[in-house]
Amino acid sequence: MQYIKEKLKSVYSLLIYKSYYDKQFRNEGIAACLLTFVNIQFWITIFIILPVVTLSEESLKNPLVSLYLSLSAAGIFYIVFNLYPEVRQKFRAAKEALPFILKIKGRRAQVLAELMSTNGHDFFTEANRFLSKSTYLELIGLLRNKNGYTSTPTDPCNPKNGSYIKYSINPPLNILLNRNMAIDSFTVSTMSQMCEKIAINNLRDIRRIKEIHNIESLKLYDALIYLENEMIQFIEQSYKDECSLVAYFLQAPDKLNYYAQKELPWYVGNRFDLKFKPTKDERNIAKGLVTIFFEKT
């Protein structure tokens, strides 16, 4: 069954574009028709108007039947002039939003690359995975060590439960990057500086996405607003800690990536593909994010 689903996704993706590097989206009309046919509103309308074919010539004289025929005509009008155009608009909105969402996804991988000091194709596939509770805690422990702690706390988000030699609570992220990086003509040398610039860039791209016509019709829009609020909260903080960095820059984008992975392939094919199957734990956490992780526990 999984093989059939993957094969159908591949065929559908080829319908929309010829190859991954082909910038021309094609056959949108056909793809939009397919999505219209699988829409539950389409089938509800069809079931309402289907009895029309069983009406006899004699029954057409009944006033109630005439009213029903008028409703059926309105249903056909709705499918042709409302439902189908709405689907087409989603194609346009998704295509315009795609490059900005890819940039946000890439910045998340960039942060994780700096944390793990790792490069390579396989790593960047892993870098797109959603965080589970265990990986979240592992990353915070790694950051604690980089910030100078010599022992890992029982609860990294609660300093009272762990013993530390350096810093008393919530140390600033003065971790030096592997190399100085240039972001928007600014040179950054610490993790905190890099994340601040990334937050600004993410907010800029989010604002551009919000300007796209009909973007609210995509299900990922709520996740986008969630991410925007998290980025604003990070910038407004005067003090950043390890929990904040992992939550804002690795976990907060998970919600957007989760809904983008579920929705965008319908409109842009495999141009947006996280290339992994999430575990139940990863999926539930990414789907249910409403605030940073340590505030929920």
Protein backbone atom coordinates (compact mmCIF):
# COMPACT_ATOMS: atom_id res chain seq x y z
CA MET A 1 0.00 0.00 0.00
CA GLN A 2 2.83 2.40 0.89
CA TYR A 3 4.51 1.64 -2.46
CA ILE A 4 1.29 2.45 -4.33
CA LYS A 5 0.88 5.73 -2.43
CA GLU A 6 4.47 6.75 -3.20
CA LYS A 7 4.02 5.80 -6.86
CA LEU A 8 0.82 7.87 -7.13
CA LYS A 9 2.58 10.85 -5.51
CA SER A 10 5.43 10.53 -8.00
CA VAL A 11 3.06 10.36 -10.98
CA TYR A 12 1.09 13.34 -9.69
CA SER A 13 4.30 15.29 -9.18
CA LEU A 14 5.38 14.54 -12.75
CA LEU A 15 2.00 15.80 -13.93
CA ILE A 16 2.73 19.22 -12.42
CA TYR A 17 6.33 19.56 -13.62
CA LYS A 18 8.71 17.65 -15.86
CA SER A 19 11.72 17.47 -13.56
CA TYR A 20 12.93 18.91 -10.27
CA TYR A 21 15.06 21.54 -12.00
CA ASP A 22 12.33 22.57 -14.41
CA LYS A 23 11.00 25.94 -13.23
CA GLN A 24 7.84 25.70 -15.34
CA PHE A 25 4.75 24.39 -13.61
CA ARG A 26 2.50 22.61 -16.10
CA ASN A 27 -0.89 20.97 -16.36
CA GLU A 28 -2.26 23.00 -13.46
CA GLY A 29 -5.73 22.87 -14.96
CA ILE A 30 -5.71 19.07 -14.97
CA ALA A 31 -4.24 18.91 -11.46
CA ALA A 32 -6.82 21.43 -10.22
CA CYS A 33 -9.61 19.28 -11.70
CA LEU A 34 -8.25 16.23 -9.86
CA LEU A 35 -8.16 18.13 -6.56
CA THR A 36 -11.67 19.42 -7.20
CA PHE A 37 -12.89 15.85 -7.77
CA VAL A 38 -11.44 14.65 -4.44
CA ASN A 39 -12.88 17.62 -2.55
CA ILE A 40 -15.66 16.59 -0.16
CA GLN A 41 -17.68 19.70 -1.06
CA PHE A 42 -17.68 18.54 -4.68
CA TRP A 43 -19.16 15.15 -3.81
CA ILE A 44 -21.75 16.61 -1.44
CA THR A 45 -22.92 18.85 -4.28
CA ILE A 46 -22.93 15.92 -6.73
CA PHE A 47 -25.03 13.76 -4.41
CA ILE A 48 -27.52 16.60 -4.03
CA ILE A 49 -27.98 17.09 -7.79
CA LEU A 50 -27.65 13.42 -8.82
CA PRO A 51 -31.38 12.61 -8.47
CA VAL A 52 -32.04 15.04 -11.33
CA VAL A 53 -31.32 12.24 -13.83
CA THR A 54 -34.16 10.15 -12.37
CA LEU A 55 -36.84 12.82 -12.78
CA SER A 56 -39.61 12.11 -15.25
CA GLU A 57 -41.12 14.65 -17.61
CA GLU A 58 -44.36 14.58 -15.64
CA SER A 59 -42.63 15.37 -12.34
CA LEU A 60 -41.06 18.51 -13.81
CA LYS A 61 -44.45 20.19 -13.59
CA ASN A 62 -44.39 20.00 -9.79
CA PRO A 63 -43.39 23.39 -8.19
CA LEU A 64 -41.20 21.64 -5.62
CA VAL A 65 -39.32 19.81 -8.38
CA SER A 66 -38.81 23.11 -10.16
CA LEU A 67 -37.31 24.53 -6.97
CA TYR A 68 -35.06 21.48 -6.70
CA LEU A 69 -33.90 21.98 -10.29
CA SER A 70 -33.01 25.57 -9.46
CA LEU A 71 -30.95 24.39 -6.47
CA SER A 72 -29.23 21.82 -8.67
CA ALA A 73 -28.34 24.49 -11.20
CA ALA A 74 -26.93 26.58 -8.35
CA GLY A 75 -24.84 23.57 -7.29
CA ILE A 76 -23.35 23.24 -10.77
CA PHE A 77 -22.71 26.99 -10.79
CA TYR A 78 -20.92 26.63 -7.43
CA ILE A 79 -18.62 23.87 -8.71
CA VAL A 80 -17.70 25.67 -11.94
CA PHE A 81 -17.43 29.25 -10.72
CA ASN A 82 -16.50 28.91 -7.05
CA LEU A 83 -14.99 25.57 -6.07
CA TYR A 84 -12.69 25.08 -9.06
CA PRO A 85 -11.40 28.70 -9.05
CA GLU A 86 -10.68 28.40 -5.30
CA VAL A 87 -8.48 25.38 -6.00
CA ARG A 88 -6.66 27.25 -8.79
CA GLN A 89 -6.00 30.15 -6.44
CA LYS A 90 -4.37 27.76 -3.97
CA PHE A 91 -1.96 26.67 -6.71
CA ARG A 92 -0.89 30.26 -7.27
CA ALA A 93 -0.57 31.00 -3.54
CA ALA A 94 1.47 27.84 -2.90
CA LYS A 95 3.84 28.53 -5.80
CA GLU A 96 4.53 32.07 -4.61
CA ALA A 97 5.02 30.97 -0.99
CA LEU A 98 7.29 28.03 -1.82
CA PRO A 99 10.67 29.86 -2.18
CA PHE A 100 10.19 31.70 1.13
CA ILE A 101 9.17 28.53 3.00
CA LEU A 102 12.22 26.75 1.57
CA LYS A 103 14.45 29.54 2.90
CA ILE A 104 12.93 29.24 6.39
CA LYS A 105 13.42 25.47 6.26
CA GLY A 106 17.02 25.93 5.12
CA ARG A 107 17.82 28.31 7.98
CA ARG A 108 16.60 25.71 10.47
CA ALA A 109 19.03 23.21 8.95
CA GLN A 110 21.76 25.85 9.10
CA VAL A 111 21.30 26.29 12.85
CA LEU A 112 21.41 22.53 13.40
CA ALA A 113 24.52 22.27 11.22
CA GLU A 114 26.28 24.76 13.47
CA LEU A 115 25.17 22.94 16.60
CA MET A 116 26.32 19.56 15.35
CA SER A 117 29.38 20.84 13.45
CA THR A 118 28.47 18.44 10.69
CA ASN A 119 28.13 18.71 6.93
CA GLY A 120 27.11 16.32 4.17
CA HIS A 121 24.08 15.24 2.17
CA ASP A 122 22.86 12.68 4.70
CA PHE A 123 23.07 15.22 7.48
CA PHE A 124 20.80 17.69 5.73
CA THR A 125 18.17 14.99 5.30
CA GLU A 126 18.37 14.40 9.05
CA ALA A 127 18.40 18.15 9.69
CA ASN A 128 14.84 18.33 8.39
CA ARG A 129 13.49 15.84 10.93
CA PHE A 130 11.02 17.13 13.48
CA LEU A 131 12.29 17.19 17.06
CA SER A 132 11.09 14.58 19.48
CA LYS A 133 11.28 15.10 23.25
CA SER A 134 14.51 13.10 23.44
CA THR A 135 16.27 14.97 20.61
CA TYR A 136 15.11 18.28 22.09
CA LEU A 137 16.75 17.42 25.43
CA GLU A 138 19.87 16.08 23.73
CA LEU A 139 20.38 19.33 21.85
CA ILE A 140 19.95 21.39 25.01
CA GLY A 141 22.52 19.19 26.75
CA LEU A 142 24.91 19.77 23.85
CA LEU A 143 24.41 23.52 24.10
CA ARG A 144 24.98 23.42 27.87
CA ASN A 145 28.34 21.78 27.27
CA LYS A 146 29.29 24.31 24.59
CA ASN A 147 28.39 27.11 27.00
CA GLY A 148 30.79 25.77 29.61
CA TYR A 149 28.77 23.50 31.84
CA THR A 150 30.67 20.45 33.04
CA SER A 151 27.62 18.41 34.04
CA THR A 152 24.32 17.72 32.32
CA PRO A 153 21.23 18.57 34.40
CA THR A 154 18.38 16.16 35.00
CA ASP A 155 16.04 18.75 33.52
CA PRO A 156 17.96 21.11 31.19
CA CYS A 157 15.12 23.62 31.27
CA ASN A 158 15.02 23.82 35.05
CA PRO A 159 18.39 24.86 36.54
CA LYS A 160 17.26 23.83 40.04
CA ASN A 161 17.35 20.17 39.00
CA GLY A 162 20.96 20.21 37.79
CA SER A 163 24.38 21.15 39.11
CA TYR A 164 26.49 23.60 37.10
CA ILE A 165 29.95 25.05 37.63
CA LYS A 166 29.65 28.06 35.29
CA TYR A 167 26.73 30.46 35.09
CA SER A 168 23.94 30.42 37.60
CA ILE A 169 20.93 30.56 35.28
CA ASN A 170 20.16 31.03 31.59
CA PRO A 171 23.62 31.88 30.20
CA PRO A 172 23.81 33.97 27.03
CA LEU A 173 24.60 31.98 23.89
CA ASN A 174 28.17 33.14 23.39
CA ILE A 175 29.07 29.94 21.57
CA LEU A 176 31.54 30.73 18.81
CA LEU A 177 30.59 29.59 15.32
CA ASN A 178 32.86 27.27 13.38
CA ARG A 179 33.61 30.24 11.12
CA ASN A 180 32.44 33.82 10.89
CA MET A 181 29.37 34.06 8.69
CA ALA A 182 28.05 36.93 6.58
CA ILE A 183 24.27 37.37 6.82
CA ASP A 184 22.83 40.35 4.94
CA SER A 185 26.27 42.03 4.89
CA PHE A 186 26.59 41.60 8.69
CA THR A 187 29.36 39.38 10.00
CA VAL A 188 28.29 37.17 12.89
CA SER A 189 30.61 35.16 15.08
CA THR A 190 28.39 33.74 17.84
CA MET A 191 25.32 31.55 17.91
CA SER A 192 23.23 34.30 19.49
CA GLN A 193 24.15 36.80 16.76
CA MET A 194 23.40 34.28 14.02
CA CYS A 195 19.98 33.43 15.48
CA GLU A 196 19.06 37.08 15.85
CA LYS A 197 19.82 37.71 12.15
CA ILE A 198 17.97 34.55 11.13
CA ALA A 199 14.93 35.64 13.16
CA ILE A 200 14.92 38.97 11.35
CA ASN A 201 15.20 37.24 7.95
CA ASN A 202 12.47 34.77 8.85
CA LEU A 203 10.15 37.61 9.83
CA ARG A 204 10.91 39.38 6.55
CA ASP A 205 10.03 36.27 4.54
CA ILE A 206 6.92 35.61 6.63
CA ARG A 207 5.68 39.13 5.91
CA ARG A 208 6.24 38.53 2.20
CA ILE A 209 4.26 35.30 2.38
CA LYS A 210 1.40 37.07 4.17
CA GLU A 211 1.22 39.56 1.30
CA ILE A 212 0.48 36.77 -1.19
CA HIS A 213 -3.10 36.89 -2.45
CA ASN A 214 -5.34 34.19 -0.98
CA ILE A 215 -2.54 32.74 1.20
CA GLU A 216 -5.08 32.39 4.04
CA SER A 217 -6.77 29.59 2.09
CA LEU A 218 -3.79 27.29 2.71
CA LYS A 219 -3.89 25.21 5.88
CA LEU A 220 -0.25 26.05 6.63
CA TYR A 221 -1.19 29.71 7.22
CA ASP A 222 -1.92 29.16 10.94
CA ALA A 223 1.49 27.52 11.38
CA LEU A 224 3.05 30.50 9.63
CA ILE A 225 1.44 32.92 12.11
CA TYR A 226 2.63 30.70 14.96
CA LEU A 227 6.21 30.86 13.68
CA GLU A 228 5.96 34.63 13.25
CA ASN A 229 4.93 35.04 16.89
CA GLU A 230 7.81 32.85 18.05
CA MET A 231 10.36 34.86 16.04
CA ILE A 232 9.00 38.13 17.44
CA GLN A 233 9.21 36.74 20.96
CA PHE A 234 12.84 35.72 20.45
CA ILE A 235 13.85 39.16 19.14
CA GLU A 236 12.09 40.92 22.01
CA GLN A 237 13.88 38.85 24.64
CA SER A 238 16.84 40.61 26.22
CA TYR A 239 18.27 37.28 27.34
CA LYS A 240 18.38 34.06 25.33
CA ASP A 241 19.09 30.60 26.72
CA GLU A 242 19.62 27.11 25.31
CA CYS A 243 15.96 26.14 25.67
CA SER A 244 14.90 29.21 23.70
CA LEU A 245 17.32 28.56 20.87
CA VAL A 246 16.20 24.96 20.36
CA ALA A 247 12.52 25.82 20.74
CA TYR A 248 12.46 28.87 18.48
CA PHE A 249 14.89 27.93 15.73
CA LEU A 250 14.54 24.16 15.49
CA GLN A 251 11.18 23.27 16.97
CA ALA A 252 9.03 26.27 16.01
CA PRO A 253 9.69 25.76 12.25
CA ASP A 254 8.62 22.12 12.71
CA LYS A 255 4.96 23.14 12.77
CA LEU A 256 5.30 25.02 9.48
CA ASN A 257 7.33 22.19 7.92
CA TYR A 258 4.75 19.63 9.08
CA TYR A 259 1.78 21.37 7.45
CA ALA A 260 3.81 22.38 4.40
CA GLN A 261 4.80 18.74 3.88
CA LYS A 262 1.15 17.68 4.08
CA GLU A 263 -0.19 20.41 1.78
CA LEU A 264 2.40 21.81 -0.63
CA PRO A 265 3.02 18.60 -2.63
CA TRP A 266 -0.58 18.88 -3.90
CA TYR A 267 0.27 22.21 -5.49
CA VAL A 268 4.02 22.12 -6.22
CA GLY A 269 4.74 18.38 -6.39
CA ASN A 270 7.95 17.13 -4.83
CA ARG A 271 9.60 20.54 -4.92
CA PHE A 272 8.87 20.60 -1.19
CA ASP A 273 9.86 17.25 0.26
CA LEU A 274 11.35 16.69 3.71
CA LYS A 275 12.43 13.21 2.54
CA PHE A 276 11.65 11.37 5.75
CA LYS A 277 8.72 9.66 7.41
CA PRO A 278 8.20 11.12 10.91
CA THR A 279 7.78 8.90 13.92
CA LYS A 280 4.52 9.12 15.84
CA ASP A 281 6.27 11.11 18.57
CA GLU A 282 7.78 13.60 16.10
CA ARG A 283 4.51 13.99 14.22
CA ASN A 284 2.40 14.58 17.34
CA ILE A 285 4.79 17.16 18.79
CA ALA A 286 5.15 19.05 15.49
CA LYS A 287 1.39 19.01 14.92
CA GLY A 288 0.49 20.07 18.45
CA LEU A 289 2.97 22.89 19.00
CA VAL A 290 1.33 25.91 20.57
CA THR A 291 4.28 27.32 22.51
CA ILE A 292 7.91 26.49 23.22
CA PHE A 293 8.38 22.97 24.53
CA PHE A 294 9.65 23.61 28.03
CA GLU A 295 6.67 25.85 28.83
CA LYS A 296 4.33 22.94 28.06
CA THR A 297 6.01 20.44 30.37
